[in-house]
Amino acid sequence: MAGLKSIDDSAWLGKNGSPQTSNALTQPLIPTGTYTRQSLFLIDLLDTAQLDNQYLRFHADKARRILERGDKCCMTAPEAVDGVIELLDELYVYKFHTSVIIPDPRNQQSPALIKYTLFRVSYLPQRYPTLFKRTTKGISNLLTGETFDTTTRPLPQDPLITCSRLIQDDIALMYEKADGQYYLLAGSILLAGFWRLSDKFGQPLSEIHTSGSVPQFQTKLERGMMNFFRRLKPSDPVLRNNYFLQVDEDLAWSRSIGDEDDAQVSWATAEKNKAIEHHWFRSERQSLRRLPKSGAVVFTIRTYFMPVVEIAKEPGVPGRLASAVRSWGDDVARYKGRERYGDVLLEYLDRMHQDQVEKGQVGTMEEEKETVNYPF
């Protein structure tokens, strides 16, 4: 199987079996400007979801959220169950080769059949063999001691919750209907920070973005996004990144924009110009791929959540982030709440950038020296 091999992750775990303190970031998180385009990158199937040294924190936060708010954060429409089970199977089932035929949901009378041939792997045991192990009944998490039964029918646990408890990412599944739109029909959105699954569940892709006031979606993004969804192949997963600033330290829900159960939430409720110690950088690593049998498009949304004062220690980061924040147009600035934190944030980033310039760590521009490779 070209390109699919067991990855030795022994370096990821310490001698006591706990995650190492090193971070596992593989994509640059700090932008240099604003880009109103999708900025998608092809990735390997084995890189659709990644685990790192924050795994136990995410695992604990997800478990707590499932207990406290599972009915609001984890939902599956009846017509989406097969796709969710297919996703769970891909996390632990090993199959060398399969050919599948996907009907076109827009043409039910005489469906155009699309044949895909691809390789599939037992993703988690293959990608992280010291952390996950296949069992006769399903899969075991060797770090937490949990065992998940994925073979008994009916399944003893909601398969979407099982998927969510195995990986760090939030998960969303979109399904195409006869009108050609993709609808959010399954999701485990536990750590999103700024949006709630209950607000978006059952909506088409276009309404999800317009109801969320995503800047320039209809004028610059909608047509390209719809075309991309229709062309997405099971064998070609892609990656995109997004980022926000937050003025509280809650990974799961940014309480500064309002209570999670409020009818309306807004940046207008956030305290203005809080001290820089309360500013957090939030980056989302979003992978997208099509499941071969159901045809559902799976989003995995992995959040990196770090204090600004921590990431700003790295040469080049203060200048790059300040440049990006200043580049936002009025619509993006409103969407990302800059008015509530911009003065404090930019003053701090400018000061840190000037300090790095004086120390010779960076040039007068925001970019770090080309010969140095930093995590962020």
Foldseek 3Di string as FASTA:
>chain_A
DPPAFFDPCPVQADPVRAGDPDFDFDDDFFFQADDPEFPKAWDAPLVQADDHNCLVVLLVLLVVQCVVPVVFQWAADPVCLVVLLLVLCLQAPADAKDKEWDFDQQDPPDTDIDIDIDGTGNRCCRHPVSQKDADPQGIAGPRVGDDAGSPDPPGPDRSQSVVCSVGSWWKWKWDAHNVLFTFTRTTRQFQVAADTCNVRHGHTPVCVPVVLLPPCCVPRNVVVVSVCLVPFAQRIKMKGKDKAKAQAQRRGYRCQQHDPPDPDGALVSHAAADALQRIKIKMWIWMWHARRHRRIIMITIHIDIGRPVVVLVDQLRLQSNLSHLVNDDPSVCRSRNCRRHVVNSNVVSVVSNVVCCVVVQDPPHSGGDPVDDDSD
